[in-house]
Amino acid sequence: MASVIRLSRKSDAEEFFLYLKLVMLGLGVVGIIGFMVKLISTALPSIFG
């Protein structure tokens, strides 16, 4: 465990913002997929009901 901490380094601002963009993109994709599933699940009963 100590060797991992010794090898770790603080990321610079450019790397931090790259990771931030990737995380936000992933959250957006998951949110869009969830929204589409919810939209379809509410639309199907009205179409077939």
PDB file of N, CA and C in Angstrom:
ATOM      1  N   MET A   1       0.827  -1.197   0.000  1.00  0.00           N
ATOM      2  CA  MET A   1       0.000   0.000   0.000  1.00  0.00           C
ATOM      3  C   MET A   1       0.866   1.254   0.000  1.00  0.00           C
ATOM      4  N   ALA A   2       1.904   1.249   0.772  1.00  0.00           N
ATOM      5  CA  ALA A   2       2.780   2.417   0.855  1.00  0.00           C
ATOM      6  C   ALA A   2       3.488   2.663  -0.470  1.00  0.00           C
ATOM      7  N   SER A   3       3.821   1.591  -1.198  1.00  0.00           N
ATOM      8  CA  SER A   3       4.501   1.778  -2.482  1.00  0.00           C
ATOM      9  C   SER A   3       3.572   2.423  -3.502  1.00  0.00           C
ATOM     10  N   VAL A   4       2.285   2.116  -3.448  1.00  0.00           N
ATOM     11  CA  VAL A   4       1.315   2.727  -4.347  1.00  0.00           C
ATOM     12  C   VAL A   4       1.208   4.223  -4.065  1.00  0.00           C
ATOM     13  N   ILE A   5       1.177   4.575  -2.791  1.00  0.00           N
ATOM     14  CA  ILE A   5       1.086   5.994  -2.419  1.00  0.00           C
ATOM     15  C   ILE A   5       2.347   6.737  -2.834  1.00  0.00           C
ATOM     16  N   ARG A   6       3.517   6.071  -2.703  1.00  0.00           N
ATOM     17  CA  ARG A   6       4.766   6.722  -3.118  1.00  0.00           C
ATOM     18  C   ARG A   6       4.798   6.950  -4.626  1.00  0.00           C
ATOM     19  N   LEU A   7       4.219   6.040  -5.401  1.00  0.00           N
ATOM     20  CA  LEU A   7       4.232   6.167  -6.862  1.00  0.00           C
ATOM     21  C   LEU A   7       3.163   7.125  -7.382  1.00  0.00           C
ATOM     22  N   SER A   8       2.162   7.383  -6.589  1.00  0.00           N
ATOM     23  CA  SER A   8       1.081   8.249  -7.061  1.00  0.00           C
ATOM     24  C   SER A   8       1.559   9.692  -7.153  1.00  0.00           C
ATOM     25  N   ARG A   9       0.896  10.438  -8.015  1.00  0.00           N
ATOM     26  CA  ARG A   9       1.247  11.845  -8.190  1.00  0.00           C
ATOM     27  C   ARG A   9      -0.032  12.648  -8.345  1.00  0.00           C
ATOM     28  N   LYS A  10       0.079  13.917  -8.086  1.00  0.00           N
ATOM     29  CA  LYS A  10      -1.068  14.804  -8.239  1.00  0.00           C
ATOM     30  C   LYS A  10      -1.204  15.149  -9.720  1.00  0.00           C
ATOM     31  N   SER A  11      -2.422  15.029 -10.244  1.00  0.00           N
ATOM     32  CA  SER A  11      -2.629  15.346 -11.657  1.00  0.00           C
ATOM     33  C   SER A  11      -2.626  16.859 -11.857  1.00  0.00           C
ATOM     34  N   ASP A  12      -2.185  17.263 -13.040  1.00  0.00           N
ATOM     35  CA  ASP A  12      -2.191  18.698 -13.341  1.00  0.00           C
ATOM     36  C   ASP A  12      -3.593  19.120 -13.777  1.00  0.00           C
ATOM     37  N   ALA A  13      -3.753  20.400 -14.001  1.00  0.00           N
ATOM     38  CA  ALA A  13      -5.087  20.945 -14.304  1.00  0.00           C
ATOM     39  C   ALA A  13      -5.645  20.381 -15.604  1.00  0.00           C
ATOM     40  N   GLU A  14      -4.796  20.210 -16.609  1.00  0.00           N
ATOM     41  CA  GLU A  14      -5.265  19.699 -17.902  1.00  0.00           C
ATOM     42  C   GLU A  14      -5.801  18.269 -17.758  1.00  0.00           C
ATOM     43  N   GLU A  15      -5.082  17.433 -17.035  1.00  0.00           N
ATOM     44  CA  GLU A  15      -5.517  16.061 -16.826  1.00  0.00           C
ATOM     45  C   GLU A  15      -6.792  16.009 -15.974  1.00  0.00           C
ATOM     46  N   PHE A  16      -6.872  16.856 -14.976  1.00  0.00           N
ATOM     47  CA  PHE A  16      -8.057  16.913 -14.122  1.00  0.00           C
ATOM     48  C   PHE A  16      -9.296  17.278 -14.934  1.00  0.00           C
ATOM     49  N   PHE A  17      -9.186  18.294 -15.789  1.00  0.00           N
ATOM     50  CA  PHE A  17     -10.346  18.704 -16.582  1.00  0.00           C
ATOM     51  C   PHE A  17     -10.701  17.665 -17.643  1.00  0.00           C
ATOM     52  N   LEU A  18      -9.718  16.915 -18.130  1.00  0.00           N
ATOM     53  CA  LEU A  18     -10.015  15.820 -19.048  1.00  0.00           C
ATOM     54  C   LEU A  18     -10.850  14.753 -18.347  1.00  0.00           C
ATOM     55  N   TYR A  19     -10.438  14.365 -17.138  1.00  0.00           N
ATOM     56  CA  TYR A  19     -11.216  13.384 -16.374  1.00  0.00           C
ATOM     57  C   TYR A  19     -12.593  13.928 -16.025  1.00  0.00           C
ATOM     58  N   LEU A  20     -12.671  15.206 -15.699  1.00  0.00           N
ATOM     59  CA  LEU A  20     -13.953  15.817 -15.373  1.00  0.00           C
ATOM     60  C   LEU A  20     -14.902  15.773 -16.569  1.00  0.00           C
ATOM     61  N   LYS A  21     -14.383  16.084 -17.753  1.00  0.00           N
ATOM     62  CA  LYS A  21     -15.207  16.025 -18.961  1.00  0.00           C
ATOM     63  C   LYS A  21     -15.696  14.604 -19.236  1.00  0.00           C
ATOM     64  N   LEU A  22     -14.801  13.620 -19.047  1.00  0.00           N
ATOM     65  CA  LEU A  22     -15.188  12.234 -19.288  1.00  0.00           C
ATOM     66  C   LEU A  22     -16.261  11.772 -18.311  1.00  0.00           C
ATOM     67  N   VAL A  23     -16.142  12.157 -17.051  1.00  0.00           N
ATOM     68  CA  VAL A  23     -17.138  11.780 -16.052  1.00  0.00           C
ATOM     69  C   VAL A  23     -18.475  12.444 -16.368  1.00  0.00           C
ATOM     70  N   MET A  24     -18.459  13.716 -16.734  1.00  0.00           N
ATOM     71  CA  MET A  24     -19.701  14.416 -17.070  1.00  0.00           C
ATOM     72  C   MET A  24     -20.346  13.824 -18.327  1.00  0.00           C
ATOM     73  N   LEU A  25     -19.534  13.436 -19.294  1.00  0.00           N
ATOM     74  CA  LEU A  25     -20.060  12.792 -20.496  1.00  0.00           C
ATOM     75  C   LEU A  25     -20.728  11.469 -20.140  1.00  0.00           C
ATOM     76  N   GLY A  26     -20.083  10.684 -19.276  1.00  0.00           N
ATOM     77  CA  GLY A  26     -20.668   9.420 -18.846  1.00  0.00           C
ATOM     78  C   GLY A  26     -21.975   9.616 -18.100  1.00  0.00           C
ATOM     79  N   LEU A  27     -22.020  10.599 -17.209  1.00  0.00           N
ATOM     80  CA  LEU A  27     -23.260  10.893 -16.486  1.00  0.00           C
ATOM     81  C   LEU A  27     -24.361  11.332 -17.438  1.00  0.00           C
ATOM     82  N   GLY A  28     -24.006  12.130 -18.431  1.00  0.00           N
ATOM     83  CA  GLY A  28     -24.992  12.571 -19.413  1.00  0.00           C
ATOM     84  C   GLY A  28     -25.547  11.417 -20.222  1.00  0.00           C
ATOM     85  N   VAL A  29     -24.678  10.505 -20.629  1.00  0.00           N
ATOM     86  CA  VAL A  29     -25.123   9.347 -21.406  1.00  0.00           C
ATOM     87  C   VAL A  29     -26.048   8.464 -20.571  1.00  0.00           C
ATOM     88  N   VAL A  30     -25.670   8.211 -19.327  1.00  0.00           N
ATOM     89  CA  VAL A  30     -26.518   7.401 -18.456  1.00  0.00           C
ATOM     90  C   VAL A  30     -27.858   8.098 -18.205  1.00  0.00           C
ATOM     91  N   GLY A  31     -27.839   9.403 -18.047  1.00  0.00           N
ATOM     92  CA  GLY A  31     -29.073  10.155 -17.846  1.00  0.00           C
ATOM     93  C   GLY A  31     -29.981  10.108 -19.058  1.00  0.00           C
ATOM     94  N   ILE A  32     -29.404  10.239 -20.233  1.00  0.00           N
ATOM     95  CA  ILE A  32     -30.202  10.176 -21.467  1.00  0.00           C
ATOM     96  C   ILE A  32     -30.810   8.790 -21.639  1.00  0.00           C
ATOM     97  N   ILE A  33     -30.029   7.757 -21.366  1.00  0.00           N
ATOM     98  CA  ILE A  33     -30.561   6.393 -21.475  1.00  0.00           C
ATOM     99  C   ILE A  33     -31.697   6.191 -20.479  1.00  0.00           C
ATOM    100  N   GLY A  34     -31.525   6.661 -19.253  1.00  0.00           N
ATOM    101  CA  GLY A  34     -32.589   6.541 -18.255  1.00  0.00           C
ATOM    102  C   GLY A  34     -33.833   7.304 -18.650  1.00  0.00           C
ATOM    103  N   PHE A  35     -33.646   8.493 -19.217  1.00  0.00           N
ATOM    104  CA  PHE A  35     -34.788   9.286 -19.667  1.00  0.00           C
ATOM    105  C   PHE A  35     -35.534   8.585 -20.791  1.00  0.00           C
ATOM    106  N   MET A  36     -34.806   8.006 -21.731  1.00  0.00           N
ATOM    107  CA  MET A  36     -35.450   7.305 -22.836  1.00  0.00           C
ATOM    108  C   MET A  36     -36.215   6.068 -22.347  1.00  0.00           C
ATOM    109  N   VAL A  37     -35.644   5.332 -21.396  1.00  0.00           N
ATOM    110  CA  VAL A  37     -36.343   4.172 -20.853  1.00  0.00           C
ATOM    111  C   VAL A  37     -37.621   4.611 -20.152  1.00  0.00           C
ATOM    112  N   LYS A  38     -37.556   5.677 -19.366  1.00  0.00           N
ATOM    113  CA  LYS A  38     -38.739   6.184 -18.676  1.00  0.00           C
ATOM    114  C   LYS A  38     -39.783   6.677 -19.684  1.00  0.00           C
ATOM    115  N   LEU A  39     -39.353   7.363 -20.717  1.00  0.00           N
ATOM    116  CA  LEU A  39     -40.264   7.866 -21.744  1.00  0.00           C
ATOM    117  C   LEU A  39     -40.959   6.718 -22.458  1.00  0.00           C
ATOM    118  N   ILE A  40     -40.216   5.694 -22.811  1.00  0.00           N
ATOM    119  CA  ILE A  40     -40.801   4.546 -23.499  1.00  0.00           C
ATOM    120  C   ILE A  40     -41.748   3.794 -22.572  1.00  0.00           C
ATOM    121  N   SER A  41     -41.357   3.646 -21.300  1.00  0.00           N
ATOM    122  CA  SER A  41     -42.211   2.890 -20.383  1.00  0.00           C
ATOM    123  C   SER A  41     -43.512   3.622 -20.073  1.00  0.00           C
ATOM    124  N   THR A  42     -43.532   4.935 -20.167  1.00  0.00           N
ATOM    125  CA  THR A  42     -44.790   5.656 -19.958  1.00  0.00           C
ATOM    126  C   THR A  42     -45.602   5.756 -21.243  1.00  0.00           C
ATOM    127  N   ALA A  43     -44.949   5.651 -22.401  1.00  0.00           N
ATOM    128  CA  ALA A  43     -45.674   5.764 -23.661  1.00  0.00           C
ATOM    129  C   ALA A  43     -46.300   4.430 -24.080  1.00  0.00           C
ATOM    130  N   LEU A  44     -45.700   3.316 -23.733  1.00  0.00           N
ATOM    131  CA  LEU A  44     -46.229   2.009 -24.167  1.00  0.00           C
ATOM    132  C   LEU A  44     -47.611   1.700 -23.622  1.00  0.00           C
ATOM    133  N   PRO A  45     -47.914   1.929 -22.365  1.00  0.00           N
ATOM    134  CA  PRO A  45     -49.274   1.633 -21.910  1.00  0.00           C
ATOM    135  C   PRO A  45     -50.341   2.471 -22.601  1.00  0.00           C
ATOM    136  N   SER A  46     -50.028   3.699 -22.937  1.00  0.00           N
ATOM    137  CA  SER A  46     -51.032   4.523 -23.617  1.00  0.00           C
ATOM    138  C   SER A  46     -51.215   4.099 -25.074  1.00  0.00           C
ATOM    139  N   ILE A  47     -50.200   3.517 -25.658  1.00  0.00           N
ATOM    140  CA  ILE A  47     -50.317   3.053 -27.053  1.00  0.00           C
ATOM    141  C   ILE A  47     -51.096   1.734 -27.107  1.00  0.00           C
ATOM    142  N   PHE A  48     -50.756   0.799 -26.219  1.00  0.00           N
ATOM    143  CA  PHE A  48     -51.361  -0.532 -26.256  1.00  0.00           C
ATOM    144  C   PHE A  48     -52.538  -0.695 -25.289  1.00  0.00           C
ATOM    145  N   GLY A  49     -52.809   0.304 -24.482  1.00  0.00           N
ATOM    146  CA  GLY A  49     -53.855   0.174 -23.476  1.00  0.00           C
ATOM    147  C   GLY A  49     -55.127   0.712 -23.950  1.00  0.00           C
TER     148      GLY A  49
END
